Amino acid sequence: SRLKRHAAKGQREEAMDFEQNQARRGASEENILDAKGNLANSYAKLGRDEALRTRQEVYSGYLKLYGEEHLQTIREASNYAAAALTLRRFEEAKILFRKTIP
């Protein structure tokens, strides 16, 4: 129903606010990147354009933190590629998906 969709949207927006505040409280870089990843998920569920940019920030953050062969960096490359694919950015998605293959 419309009421349930509205309530779910409000909950996701509250989650986004919470995640943004967590990132500002001096958490570790990894915790901040995790929160940003959750934020990107929330943006995507709301259909907001910030989802792809936030996914790119998370991937870049893990790349700097751990390097390109770390499991978490590879996961984030896959998440970023999936977000690009959803937006029909096929070349970008293809490049990113190739980074996930050993």
PDB file of N, CA and C in Angstrom:
ATOM      1  N   SER A   1       0.823  -1.190   0.000  1.00  0.00           N
ATOM      2  CA  SER A   1       0.000   0.000   0.000  1.00  0.00           C
ATOM      3  C   SER A   1       0.870   1.259   0.000  1.00  0.00           C
ATOM      4  N   ARG A   2       0.265   2.371  -0.294  1.00  0.00           N
ATOM      5  CA  ARG A   2       0.999   3.653  -0.321  1.00  0.00           C
ATOM      6  C   ARG A   2       1.559   4.006   1.040  1.00  0.00           C
ATOM      7  N   LEU A   3       0.792   3.716   2.080  1.00  0.00           N
ATOM      8  CA  LEU A   3       1.244   4.024   3.437  1.00  0.00           C
ATOM      9  C   LEU A   3       2.504   3.238   3.798  1.00  0.00           C
ATOM     10  N   LYS A   4       2.538   1.941   3.450  1.00  0.00           N
ATOM     11  CA  LYS A   4       3.714   1.121   3.726  1.00  0.00           C
ATOM     12  C   LYS A   4       4.931   1.620   2.952  1.00  0.00           C
ATOM     13  N   ARG A   5       4.739   1.983   1.670  1.00  0.00           N
ATOM     14  CA  ARG A   5       5.851   2.497   0.862  1.00  0.00           C
ATOM     15  C   ARG A   5       6.375   3.793   1.450  1.00  0.00           C
ATOM     16  N   HIS A   6       5.471   4.659   1.890  1.00  0.00           N
ATOM     17  CA  HIS A   6       5.876   5.929   2.491  1.00  0.00           C
ATOM     18  C   HIS A   6       6.658   5.692   3.787  1.00  0.00           C
ATOM     19  N   ALA A   7       6.198   4.758   4.595  1.00  0.00           N
ATOM     20  CA  ALA A   7       6.890   4.449   5.852  1.00  0.00           C
ATOM     21  C   ALA A   7       8.272   3.870   5.564  1.00  0.00           C
ATOM     22  N   ALA A   8       8.358   2.981   4.588  1.00  0.00           N
ATOM     23  CA  ALA A   8       9.654   2.381   4.238  1.00  0.00           C
ATOM     24  C   ALA A   8      10.613   3.448   3.725  1.00  0.00           C
ATOM     25  N   LYS A   9      10.107   4.373   2.932  1.00  0.00           N
ATOM     26  CA  LYS A   9      10.951   5.457   2.421  1.00  0.00           C
ATOM     27  C   LYS A   9      11.456   6.312   3.577  1.00  0.00           C
ATOM     28  N   GLY A  10      10.622   6.601   4.541  1.00  0.00           N
ATOM     29  CA  GLY A  10      11.022   7.379   5.704  1.00  0.00           C
ATOM     30  C   GLY A  10      12.085   6.661   6.521  1.00  0.00           C
ATOM     31  N   GLN A  11      11.942   5.347   6.656  1.00  0.00           N
ATOM     32  CA  GLN A  11      12.933   4.567   7.403  1.00  0.00           C
ATOM     33  C   GLN A  11      14.280   4.587   6.690  1.00  0.00           C
ATOM     34  N   ARG A  12      14.278   4.469   5.364  1.00  0.00           N
ATOM     35  CA  ARG A  12      15.541   4.499   4.622  1.00  0.00           C
ATOM     36  C   ARG A  12      16.203   5.863   4.745  1.00  0.00           C
ATOM     37  N   GLU A  13      15.409   6.913   4.710  1.00  0.00           N
ATOM     38  CA  GLU A  13      15.977   8.255   4.856  1.00  0.00           C
ATOM     39  C   GLU A  13      16.559   8.452   6.254  1.00  0.00           C
ATOM     40  N   GLU A  14      15.898   7.907   7.280  1.00  0.00           N
ATOM     41  CA  GLU A  14      16.447   7.960   8.633  1.00  0.00           C
ATOM     42  C   GLU A  14      17.764   7.189   8.703  1.00  0.00           C
ATOM     43  N   ALA A  15      17.823   6.039   8.034  1.00  0.00           N
ATOM     44  CA  ALA A  15      19.054   5.239   8.014  1.00  0.00           C
ATOM     45  C   ALA A  15      20.180   6.018   7.345  1.00  0.00           C
ATOM     46  N   MET A  16      19.860   6.738   6.276  1.00  0.00           N
ATOM     47  CA  MET A  16      20.884   7.539   5.605  1.00  0.00           C
ATOM     48  C   MET A  16      21.416   8.619   6.533  1.00  0.00           C
ATOM     49  N   ASP A  17      20.539   9.286   7.269  1.00  0.00           N
ATOM     50  CA  ASP A  17      20.973  10.310   8.219  1.00  0.00           C
ATOM     51  C   ASP A  17      21.872   9.703   9.290  1.00  0.00           C
ATOM     52  N   PHE A  18      21.485   8.545   9.807  1.00  0.00           N
ATOM     53  CA  PHE A  18      22.280   7.858  10.824  1.00  0.00           C
ATOM     54  C   PHE A  18      23.670   7.523  10.288  1.00  0.00           C
ATOM     55  N   GLU A  19      23.729   6.981   9.084  1.00  0.00           N
ATOM     56  CA  GLU A  19      25.013   6.587   8.499  1.00  0.00           C
ATOM     57  C   GLU A  19      25.905   7.802   8.268  1.00  0.00           C
ATOM     58  N   GLN A  20      25.321   8.898   7.826  1.00  0.00           N
ATOM     59  CA  GLN A  20      26.120  10.108   7.627  1.00  0.00           C
ATOM     60  C   GLN A  20      26.681  10.603   8.956  1.00  0.00           C
ATOM     61  N   ASN A  21      25.887  10.544  10.015  1.00  0.00           N
ATOM     62  CA  ASN A  21      26.364  10.972  11.333  1.00  0.00           C
ATOM     63  C   ASN A  21      27.466  10.058  11.856  1.00  0.00           C
ATOM     64  N   GLN A  22      27.343   8.748  11.631  1.00  0.00           N
ATOM     65  CA  GLN A  22      28.378   7.816  12.063  1.00  0.00           C
ATOM     66  C   GLN A  22      29.707   8.161  11.398  1.00  0.00           C
ATOM     67  N   ALA A  23      29.655   8.499  10.142  1.00  0.00           N
ATOM     68  CA  ALA A  23      30.872   8.821   9.406  1.00  0.00           C
ATOM     69  C   ALA A  23      31.547  10.070   9.962  1.00  0.00           C
ATOM     70  N   ARG A  24      30.782  10.952  10.561  1.00  0.00           N
ATOM     71  CA  ARG A  24      31.333  12.201  11.092  1.00  0.00           C
ATOM     72  C   ARG A  24      31.891  12.062  12.510  1.00  0.00           C
ATOM     73  N   ARG A  25      31.672  10.956  13.185  1.00  0.00           N
ATOM     74  CA  ARG A  25      32.018  10.811  14.603  1.00  0.00           C
ATOM     75  C   ARG A  25      33.422  10.283  14.864  1.00  0.00           C
ATOM     76  N   GLY A  26      34.277  10.283  13.880  1.00  0.00           N
ATOM     77  CA  GLY A  26      35.641   9.830  14.098  1.00  0.00           C
ATOM     78  C   GLY A  26      35.806   8.327  14.025  1.00  0.00           C
ATOM     79  N   ALA A  27      34.933   7.661  13.322  1.00  0.00           N
ATOM     80  CA  ALA A  27      35.044   6.214  13.167  1.00  0.00           C
ATOM     81  C   ALA A  27      36.249   5.889  12.287  1.00  0.00           C
ATOM     82  N   SER A  28      36.671   4.624  12.306  1.00  0.00           N
ATOM     83  CA  SER A  28      37.798   4.206  11.468  1.00  0.00           C
ATOM     84  C   SER A  28      37.423   4.357   9.992  1.00  0.00           C
ATOM     85  N   GLU A  29      38.442   4.425   9.156  1.00  0.00           N
ATOM     86  CA  GLU A  29      38.202   4.574   7.716  1.00  0.00           C
ATOM     87  C   GLU A  29      37.350   3.429   7.176  1.00  0.00           C
ATOM     88  N   GLU A  30      37.623   2.217   7.644  1.00  0.00           N
ATOM     89  CA  GLU A  30      36.839   1.070   7.185  1.00  0.00           C
ATOM     90  C   GLU A  30      35.377   1.192   7.613  1.00  0.00           C
ATOM     91  N   ASN A  31      35.133   1.641   8.841  1.00  0.00           N
ATOM     92  CA  ASN A  31      33.754   1.825   9.299  1.00  0.00           C
ATOM     93  C   ASN A  31      33.046   2.905   8.502  1.00  0.00           C
ATOM     94  N   ILE A  32      33.772   3.954   8.164  1.00  0.00           N
ATOM     95  CA  ILE A  32      33.187   5.023   7.350  1.00  0.00           C
ATOM     96  C   ILE A  32      32.831   4.489   5.969  1.00  0.00           C
ATOM     97  N   LEU A  33      33.725   3.704   5.388  1.00  0.00           N
ATOM     98  CA  LEU A  33      33.444   3.131   4.065  1.00  0.00           C
ATOM     99  C   LEU A  33      32.260   2.172   4.123  1.00  0.00           C
ATOM    100  N   ASP A  34      32.160   1.390   5.190  1.00  0.00           N
ATOM    101  CA  ASP A  34      31.003   0.504   5.359  1.00  0.00           C
ATOM    102  C   ASP A  34      29.711   1.307   5.439  1.00  0.00           C
ATOM    103  N   ALA A  35      29.738   2.391   6.201  1.00  0.00           N
ATOM    104  CA  ALA A  35      28.550   3.243   6.324  1.00  0.00           C
ATOM    105  C   ALA A  35      28.201   3.864   4.978  1.00  0.00           C
ATOM    106  N   LYS A  36      29.214   4.301   4.235  1.00  0.00           N
ATOM    107  CA  LYS A  36      28.957   4.867   2.906  1.00  0.00           C
ATOM    108  C   LYS A  36      28.381   3.817   1.962  1.00  0.00           C
ATOM    109  N   GLY A  37      28.842   2.575   2.092  1.00  0.00           N
ATOM    110  CA  GLY A  37      28.275   1.499   1.280  1.00  0.00           C
ATOM    111  C   GLY A  37      26.803   1.301   1.577  1.00  0.00           C
ATOM    112  N   ASN A  38      26.455   1.336   2.855  1.00  0.00           N
ATOM    113  CA  ASN A  38      25.044   1.240   3.239  1.00  0.00           C
ATOM    114  C   ASN A  38      24.255   2.431   2.732  1.00  0.00           C
ATOM    115  N   LEU A  39      24.872   3.582   2.776  1.00  0.00           N
ATOM    116  CA  LEU A  39      24.232   4.791   2.253  1.00  0.00           C
ATOM    117  C   LEU A  39      23.972   4.649   0.756  1.00  0.00           C
ATOM    118  N   ALA A  40      24.955   4.112   0.023  1.00  0.00           N
ATOM    119  CA  ALA A  40      24.773   3.893  -1.424  1.00  0.00           C
ATOM    120  C   ALA A  40      23.605   2.945  -1.678  1.00  0.00           C
ATOM    121  N   ASN A  41      23.482   1.901  -0.848  1.00  0.00           N
ATOM    122  CA  ASN A  41      22.344   0.977  -0.984  1.00  0.00           C
ATOM    123  C   ASN A  41      21.021   1.703  -0.777  1.00  0.00           C
ATOM    124  N   SER A  42      20.982   2.559   0.226  1.00  0.00           N
ATOM    125  CA  SER A  42      19.754   3.316   0.505  1.00  0.00           C
ATOM    126  C   SER A  42      19.436   4.263  -0.644  1.00  0.00           C
ATOM    127  N   TYR A  43      20.445   4.952  -1.152  1.00  0.00           N
ATOM    128  CA  TYR A  43      20.238   5.841  -2.302  1.00  0.00           C
ATOM    129  C   TYR A  43      19.675   5.061  -3.489  1.00  0.00           C
ATOM    130  N   ALA A  44      20.238   3.894  -3.745  1.00  0.00           N
ATOM    131  CA  ALA A  44      19.779   3.093  -4.883  1.00  0.00           C
ATOM    132  C   ALA A  44      18.317   2.684  -4.704  1.00  0.00           C
ATOM    133  N   LYS A  45      17.950   2.265  -3.477  1.00  0.00           N
ATOM    134  CA  LYS A  45      16.566   1.868  -3.220  1.00  0.00           C
ATOM    135  C   LYS A  45      15.595   3.027  -3.403  1.00  0.00           C
ATOM    136  N   LEU A  46      16.087   4.236  -3.151  1.00  0.00           N
ATOM    137  CA  LEU A  46      15.253   5.420  -3.325  1.00  0.00           C
ATOM    138  C   LEU A  46      15.313   5.963  -4.749  1.00  0.00           C
ATOM    139  N   GLY A  47      16.142   5.358  -5.581  1.00  0.00           N
ATOM    140  CA  GLY A  47      16.281   5.801  -6.964  1.00  0.00           C
ATOM    141  C   GLY A  47      17.037   7.113  -7.100  1.00  0.00           C
ATOM    142  N   ARG A  48      17.898   7.385  -6.135  1.00  0.00           N
ATOM    143  CA  ARG A  48      18.627   8.662  -6.154  1.00  0.00           C
ATOM    144  C   ARG A  48      19.931   8.540  -6.927  1.00  0.00           C
ATOM    145  N   ASP A  49      20.254   9.598  -7.664  1.00  0.00           N
ATOM    146  CA  ASP A  49      21.447   9.627  -8.504  1.00  0.00           C
ATOM    147  C   ASP A  49      22.742   9.494  -7.715  1.00  0.00           C
ATOM    148  N   GLU A  50      22.720   9.833  -6.448  1.00  0.00           N
ATOM    149  CA  GLU A  50      23.930   9.782  -5.631  1.00  0.00           C
ATOM    150  C   GLU A  50      24.447   8.355  -5.428  1.00  0.00           C
ATOM    151  N   ALA A  51      23.639   7.365  -5.755  1.00  0.00           N
ATOM    152  CA  ALA A  51      24.029   5.974  -5.519  1.00  0.00           C
ATOM    153  C   ALA A  51      25.328   5.625  -6.246  1.00  0.00           C
ATOM    154  N   LEU A  52      25.442   5.973  -7.513  1.00  0.00           N
ATOM    155  CA  LEU A  52      26.628   5.615  -8.281  1.00  0.00           C
ATOM    156  C   LEU A  52      27.853   6.371  -7.779  1.00  0.00           C
ATOM    157  N   ARG A  53      27.704   7.637  -7.523  1.00  0.00           N
ATOM    158  CA  ARG A  53      28.833   8.442  -7.024  1.00  0.00           C
ATOM    159  C   ARG A  53      29.307   7.914  -5.673  1.00  0.00           C
ATOM    160  N   THR A  54      28.382   7.562  -4.812  1.00  0.00           N
ATOM    161  CA  THR A  54      28.742   7.042  -3.499  1.00  0.00           C
ATOM    162  C   THR A  54      29.421   5.683  -3.628  1.00  0.00           C
ATOM    163  N   ARG A  55      28.936   4.830  -4.522  1.00  0.00           N
ATOM    164  CA  ARG A  55      29.584   3.532  -4.773  1.00  0.00           C
ATOM    165  C   ARG A  55      31.023   3.748  -5.245  1.00  0.00           C
ATOM    166  N   GLN A  56      31.216   4.735  -6.114  1.00  0.00           N
ATOM    167  CA  GLN A  56      32.557   5.024  -6.621  1.00  0.00           C
ATOM    168  C   GLN A  56      33.470   5.478  -5.485  1.00  0.00           C
ATOM    169  N   GLU A  57      32.940   6.292  -4.575  1.00  0.00           N
ATOM    170  CA  GLU A  57      33.721   6.754  -3.422  1.00  0.00           C
ATOM    171  C   GLU A  57      34.120   5.581  -2.521  1.00  0.00           C
ATOM    172  N   VAL A  58      33.203   4.662  -2.321  1.00  0.00           N
ATOM    173  CA  VAL A  58      33.496   3.496  -1.479  1.00  0.00           C
ATOM    174  C   VAL A  58      34.573   2.635  -2.137  1.00  0.00           C
ATOM    175  N   TYR A  59      34.416   2.372  -3.426  1.00  0.00           N
ATOM    176  CA  TYR A  59      35.422   1.578  -4.144  1.00  0.00           C
ATOM    177  C   TYR A  59      36.786   2.266  -4.084  1.00  0.00           C
ATOM    178  N   SER A  60      36.837   3.550  -4.367  1.00  0.00           N
ATOM    179  CA  SER A  60      38.107   4.289  -4.325  1.00  0.00           C
ATOM    180  C   SER A  60      38.721   4.258  -2.929  1.00  0.00           C
ATOM    181  N   GLY A  61      37.889   4.364  -1.911  1.00  0.00           N
ATOM    182  CA  GLY A  61      38.371   4.326  -0.536  1.00  0.00           C
ATOM    183  C   GLY A  61      39.019   3.000  -0.190  1.00  0.00           C
ATOM    184  N   TYR A  62      38.361   1.901  -0.559  1.00  0.00           N
ATOM    185  CA  TYR A  62      38.949   0.589  -0.293  1.00  0.00           C
ATOM    186  C   TYR A  62      40.197   0.358  -1.137  1.00  0.00           C
ATOM    187  N   LEU A  63      40.194   0.868  -2.350  1.00  0.00           N
ATOM    188  CA  LEU A  63      41.367   0.745  -3.207  1.00  0.00           C
ATOM    189  C   LEU A  63      42.577   1.414  -2.553  1.00  0.00           C
ATOM    190  N   LYS A  64      42.369   2.600  -2.000  1.00  0.00           N
ATOM    191  CA  LYS A  64      43.450   3.312  -1.311  1.00  0.00           C
ATOM    192  C   LYS A  64      43.845   2.619  -0.010  1.00  0.00           C
ATOM    193  N   LEU A  65      42.853   2.097   0.696  1.00  0.00           N
ATOM    194  CA  LEU A  65      43.094   1.489   2.003  1.00  0.00           C
ATOM    195  C   LEU A  65      43.806   0.136   1.896  1.00  0.00           C
ATOM    196  N   TYR A  66      43.370  -0.697   0.953  1.00  0.00           N
ATOM    197  CA  TYR A  66      43.859  -2.077   0.896  1.00  0.00           C
ATOM    198  C   TYR A  66      44.556  -2.476  -0.401  1.00  0.00           C
ATOM    199  N   GLY A  67      44.405  -1.696  -1.459  1.00  0.00           N
ATOM    200  CA  GLY A  67      44.963  -2.105  -2.754  1.00  0.00           C
ATOM    201  C   GLY A  67      43.946  -2.877  -3.563  1.00  0.00           C
ATOM    202  N   GLU A  68      44.278  -3.112  -4.825  1.00  0.00           N
ATOM    203  CA  GLU A  68      43.269  -3.665  -5.738  1.00  0.00           C
ATOM    204  C   GLU A  68      43.028  -5.163  -5.605  1.00  0.00           C
ATOM    205  N   GLU A  69      43.891  -5.905  -4.922  1.00  0.00           N
ATOM    206  CA  GLU A  69      43.707  -7.353  -4.833  1.00  0.00           C
ATOM    207  C   GLU A  69      43.048  -7.812  -3.533  1.00  0.00           C
ATOM    208  N   HIS A  70      42.738  -6.892  -2.652  1.00  0.00           N
ATOM    209  CA  HIS A  70      42.082  -7.244  -1.391  1.00  0.00           C
ATOM    210  C   HIS A  70      40.625  -7.626  -1.660  1.00  0.00           C
ATOM    211  N   LEU A  71      40.138  -8.625  -0.924  1.00  0.00           N
ATOM    212  CA  LEU A  71      38.777  -9.122  -1.129  1.00  0.00           C
ATOM    213  C   LEU A  71      37.730  -8.009  -1.027  1.00  0.00           C
ATOM    214  N   GLN A  72      37.867  -7.136  -0.047  1.00  0.00           N
ATOM    215  CA  GLN A  72      36.860  -6.077   0.123  1.00  0.00           C
ATOM    216  C   GLN A  72      36.895  -5.099  -1.059  1.00  0.00           C
ATOM    217  N   THR A  73      38.064  -4.814  -1.580  1.00  0.00           N
ATOM    218  CA  THR A  73      38.172  -3.934  -2.745  1.00  0.00           C
ATOM    219  C   THR A  73      37.503  -4.577  -3.952  1.00  0.00           C
ATOM    220  N   ILE A  74      37.713  -5.873  -4.112  1.00  0.00           N
ATOM    221  CA  ILE A  74      37.094  -6.593  -5.226  1.00  0.00           C
ATOM    222  C   ILE A  74      35.576  -6.601  -5.077  1.00  0.00           C
ATOM    223  N   ARG A  75      35.087  -6.804  -3.851  1.00  0.00           N
ATOM    224  CA  ARG A  75      33.635  -6.747  -3.608  1.00  0.00           C
ATOM    225  C   ARG A  75      33.068  -5.387  -3.995  1.00  0.00           C
ATOM    226  N   GLU A  76      33.788  -4.346  -3.598  1.00  0.00           N
ATOM    227  CA  GLU A  76      33.289  -3.003  -3.887  1.00  0.00           C
ATOM    228  C   GLU A  76      33.368  -2.678  -5.380  1.00  0.00           C
ATOM    229  N   ALA A  77      34.363  -3.234  -6.071  1.00  0.00           N
ATOM    230  CA  ALA A  77      34.414  -3.073  -7.533  1.00  0.00           C
ATOM    231  C   ALA A  77      33.172  -3.708  -8.154  1.00  0.00           C
ATOM    232  N   SER A  78      32.789  -4.871  -7.636  1.00  0.00           N
ATOM    233  CA  SER A  78      31.592  -5.554  -8.129  1.00  0.00           C
ATOM    234  C   SER A  78      30.330  -4.751  -7.828  1.00  0.00           C
ATOM    235  N   ASN A  79      30.239  -4.201  -6.616  1.00  0.00           N
ATOM    236  CA  ASN A  79      29.074  -3.372  -6.260  1.00  0.00           C
ATOM    237  C   ASN A  79      28.988  -2.134  -7.137  1.00  0.00           C
ATOM    238  N   TYR A  80      30.137  -1.507  -7.369  1.00  0.00           N
ATOM    239  CA  TYR A  80      30.189  -0.316  -8.218  1.00  0.00           C
ATOM    240  C   TYR A  80      29.787  -0.684  -9.647  1.00  0.00           C
ATOM    241  N   ALA A  81      30.294  -1.815 -10.149  1.00  0.00           N
ATOM    242  CA  ALA A  81      29.950  -2.260 -11.496  1.00  0.00           C
ATOM    243  C   ALA A  81      28.456  -2.532 -11.622  1.00  0.00           C
ATOM    244  N   ALA A  82      27.879  -3.166 -10.611  1.00  0.00           N
ATOM    245  CA  ALA A  82      26.442  -3.457 -10.637  1.00  0.00           C
ATOM    246  C   ALA A  82      25.630  -2.167 -10.667  1.00  0.00           C
ATOM    247  N   ALA A  83      26.067  -1.173  -9.919  1.00  0.00           N
ATOM    248  CA  ALA A  83      25.369   0.119  -9.923  1.00  0.00           C
ATOM    249  C   ALA A  83      25.482   0.776 -11.303  1.00  0.00           C
ATOM    250  N   ALA A  84      26.657   0.695 -11.914  1.00  0.00           N
ATOM    251  CA  ALA A  84      26.845   1.259 -13.257  1.00  0.00           C
ATOM    252  C   ALA A  84      25.971   0.520 -14.271  1.00  0.00           C
ATOM    253  N   LEU A  85      25.901  -0.786 -14.134  1.00  0.00           N
ATOM    254  CA  LEU A  85      25.082  -1.593 -15.034  1.00  0.00           C
ATOM    255  C   LEU A  85      23.609  -1.209 -14.925  1.00  0.00           C
ATOM    256  N   THR A  86      23.144  -0.999 -13.706  1.00  0.00           N
ATOM    257  CA  THR A  86      21.756  -0.592 -13.486  1.00  0.00           C
ATOM    258  C   THR A  86      21.433   0.705 -14.231  1.00  0.00           C
ATOM    259  N   LEU A  87      22.426   1.590 -14.309  1.00  0.00           N
ATOM    260  CA  LEU A  87      22.238   2.866 -15.003  1.00  0.00           C
ATOM    261  C   LEU A  87      22.592   2.773 -16.486  1.00  0.00           C
ATOM    262  N   ARG A  88      22.808   1.541 -16.969  1.00  0.00           N
ATOM    263  CA  ARG A  88      23.107   1.280 -18.377  1.00  0.00           C
ATOM    264  C   ARG A  88      24.425   1.911 -18.821  1.00  0.00           C
ATOM    265  N   ARG A  89      25.351   2.011 -17.896  1.00  0.00           N
ATOM    266  CA  ARG A  89      26.695   2.505 -18.208  1.00  0.00           C
ATOM    267  C   ARG A  89      27.573   1.281 -18.442  1.00  0.00           C
ATOM    268  N   PHE A  90      27.364   0.654 -19.599  1.00  0.00           N
ATOM    269  CA  PHE A  90      27.913  -0.658 -19.889  1.00  0.00           C
ATOM    270  C   PHE A  90      29.444  -0.695 -19.957  1.00  0.00           C
ATOM    271  N   GLU A  91      30.058   0.268 -20.586  1.00  0.00           N
ATOM    272  CA  GLU A  91      31.523   0.267 -20.679  1.00  0.00           C
ATOM    273  C   GLU A  91      32.162   0.373 -19.302  1.00  0.00           C
ATOM    274  N   GLU A  92      31.629   1.276 -18.499  1.00  0.00           N
ATOM    275  CA  GLU A  92      32.134   1.447 -17.133  1.00  0.00           C
ATOM    276  C   GLU A  92      31.955   0.154 -16.336  1.00  0.00           C
ATOM    277  N   ALA A  93      30.782  -0.456 -16.473  1.00  0.00           N
ATOM    278  CA  ALA A  93      30.504  -1.708 -15.762  1.00  0.00           C
ATOM    279  C   ALA A  93      31.458  -2.813 -16.223  1.00  0.00           C
ATOM    280  N   LYS A  94      31.702  -2.903 -17.511  1.00  0.00           N
ATOM    281  CA  LYS A  94      32.579  -3.947 -18.045  1.00  0.00           C
ATOM    282  C   LYS A  94      33.997  -3.813 -17.486  1.00  0.00           C
ATOM    283  N   ILE A  95      34.514  -2.606 -17.459  1.00  0.00           N
ATOM    284  CA  ILE A  95      35.850  -2.365 -16.918  1.00  0.00           C
ATOM    285  C   ILE A  95      35.918  -2.783 -15.451  1.00  0.00           C
ATOM    286  N   LEU A  96      34.906  -2.407 -14.687  1.00  0.00           N
ATOM    287  CA  LEU A  96      34.886  -2.734 -13.262  1.00  0.00           C
ATOM    288  C   LEU A  96      34.716  -4.228 -13.017  1.00  0.00           C
ATOM    289  N   PHE A  97      33.839  -4.865 -13.783  1.00  0.00           N
ATOM    290  CA  PHE A  97      33.656  -6.311 -13.604  1.00  0.00           C
ATOM    291  C   PHE A  97      34.947  -7.063 -13.920  1.00  0.00           C
ATOM    292  N   ARG A  98      35.709  -6.589 -14.880  1.00  0.00           N
ATOM    293  CA  ARG A  98      36.996  -7.242 -15.199  1.00  0.00           C
ATOM    294  C   ARG A  98      37.969  -7.148 -14.029  1.00  0.00           C
ATOM    295  N   LYS A  99      37.850  -6.132 -13.227  1.00  0.00           N
ATOM    296  CA  LYS A  99      38.723  -5.988 -12.055  1.00  0.00           C
ATOM    297  C   LYS A  99      38.402  -7.042 -10.993  1.00  0.00           C
ATOM    298  N   THR A 100      37.243  -7.657 -11.090  1.00  0.00           N
ATOM    299  CA  THR A 100      36.851  -8.643 -10.086  1.00  0.00           C
ATOM    300  C   THR A 100      37.273 -10.061 -10.464  1.00  0.00           C
ATOM    301  N   ILE A 101      37.816 -10.222 -11.669  1.00  0.00           N
ATOM    302  CA  ILE A 101      38.222 -11.545 -12.139  1.00  0.00           C
ATOM    303  C   ILE A 101      39.731 -11.692 -11.942  1.00  0.00           C
ATOM    304  N   PRO A 102      40.153 -12.760 -11.248  1.00  0.00           N
ATOM    305  CA  PRO A 102      41.598 -12.944 -11.012  1.00  0.00           C
ATOM    306  C   PRO A 102      42.377 -13.248 -12.289  1.00  0.00           C
TER     307      PRO A 102
END
